[in-house]
Amino acid sequence: MRNLVFLLQKEFRQIFRNPTILRMILIMPIMQLIVIPLAADYEIKHISISVV
């Protein structure tokens, strides 16, 4: 348990020490919310159907 607390403290120190990491943590989820729905468009378009 002490190891986990130590690792969490270390990671939070690094995050708040480096402003680039903090920006990435805030911006990347927003970018994913914008880009993934655009890439995963399941609308069917231009399908040719033939009946035999």
C-alpha atoms as a PDB file:
ATOM      1  CA  MET A   1       0.000   0.000   0.000  1.00  0.00           C
ATOM      2  CA  ARG A   2       2.869   2.358   0.771  1.00  0.00           C
ATOM      3  CA  ASN A   3       4.331   1.703  -2.672  1.00  0.00           C
ATOM      4  CA  LEU A   4       1.081   2.741  -4.305  1.00  0.00           C
ATOM      5  CA  VAL A   5       0.931   5.965  -2.296  1.00  0.00           C
ATOM      6  CA  PHE A   6       4.555   6.704  -3.189  1.00  0.00           C
ATOM      7  CA  LEU A   7       3.903   6.129  -6.910  1.00  0.00           C
ATOM      8  CA  LEU A   8       0.798   8.318  -6.872  1.00  0.00           C
ATOM      9  CA  GLN A   9       2.664  11.139  -5.165  1.00  0.00           C
ATOM     10  CA  LYS A  10       5.512  10.879  -7.675  1.00  0.00           C
ATOM     11  CA  GLU A  11       3.167  10.913 -10.666  1.00  0.00           C
ATOM     12  CA  PHE A  12       1.197  13.909  -9.399  1.00  0.00           C
ATOM     13  CA  ARG A  13       4.421  15.819  -8.763  1.00  0.00           C
ATOM     14  CA  GLN A  14       5.534  15.168 -12.326  1.00  0.00           C
ATOM     15  CA  ILE A  15       2.158  16.167 -13.758  1.00  0.00           C
ATOM     16  CA  PHE A  16       2.038  19.483 -11.927  1.00  0.00           C
ATOM     17  CA  ARG A  17       5.728  20.211 -12.496  1.00  0.00           C
ATOM     18  CA  ASN A  18       5.458  19.871 -16.280  1.00  0.00           C
ATOM     19  CA  PRO A  19       2.692  22.025 -17.848  1.00  0.00           C
ATOM     20  CA  THR A  20       2.839  20.067 -21.118  1.00  0.00           C
ATOM     21  CA  ILE A  21       1.725  16.862 -19.420  1.00  0.00           C
ATOM     22  CA  LEU A  22      -1.108  18.685 -17.681  1.00  0.00           C
ATOM     23  CA  ARG A  23      -2.317  20.106 -21.008  1.00  0.00           C
ATOM     24  CA  MET A  24      -2.179  16.675 -22.633  1.00  0.00           C
ATOM     25  CA  ILE A  25      -4.190  15.139 -19.804  1.00  0.00           C
ATOM     26  CA  LEU A  26      -6.885  17.770 -20.281  1.00  0.00           C
ATOM     27  CA  ILE A  27      -6.895  18.045 -24.091  1.00  0.00           C
ATOM     28  CA  MET A  28      -6.505  14.426 -25.264  1.00  0.00           C
ATOM     29  CA  PRO A  29      -9.861  13.125 -23.936  1.00  0.00           C
ATOM     30  CA  ILE A  30     -11.623  16.096 -25.524  1.00  0.00           C
ATOM     31  CA  MET A  31      -9.906  15.394 -28.853  1.00  0.00           C
ATOM     32  CA  GLN A  32     -10.931  11.734 -28.632  1.00  0.00           C
ATOM     33  CA  LEU A  33     -14.539  12.707 -27.984  1.00  0.00           C
ATOM     34  CA  ILE A  34     -14.468  14.845 -31.122  1.00  0.00           C
ATOM     35  CA  VAL A  35     -12.503  12.592 -33.510  1.00  0.00           C
ATOM     36  CA  ILE A  36     -13.731   9.063 -32.751  1.00  0.00           C
ATOM     37  CA  PRO A  37     -17.414   9.656 -33.614  1.00  0.00           C
ATOM     38  CA  LEU A  38     -16.330  11.215 -36.903  1.00  0.00           C
ATOM     39  CA  ALA A  39     -14.140   8.212 -37.755  1.00  0.00           C
ATOM     40  CA  ALA A  40     -16.721   5.618 -36.686  1.00  0.00           C
ATOM     41  CA  ASP A  41     -19.557   6.653 -38.961  1.00  0.00           C
ATOM     42  CA  TYR A  42     -21.679   3.550 -39.547  1.00  0.00           C
ATOM     43  CA  GLU A  43     -24.071   5.143 -42.026  1.00  0.00           C
ATOM     44  CA  ILE A  44     -24.525   2.999 -45.138  1.00  0.00           C
ATOM     45  CA  LYS A  45     -23.847   4.918 -48.339  1.00  0.00           C
ATOM     46  CA  HIS A  46     -23.793   4.018 -52.054  1.00  0.00           C
ATOM     47  CA  ILE A  47     -24.765   0.340 -51.845  1.00  0.00           C
ATOM     48  CA  SER A  48     -25.666  -1.333 -55.131  1.00  0.00           C
ATOM     49  CA  ILE A  49     -28.387  -3.969 -54.778  1.00  0.00           C
ATOM     50  CA  SER A  50     -29.230  -6.536 -57.436  1.00  0.00           C
ATOM     51  CA  VAL A  51     -32.066  -9.050 -57.414  1.00  0.00           C
ATOM     52  CA  VAL A  52     -31.548 -12.409 -59.158  1.00  0.00           C
END
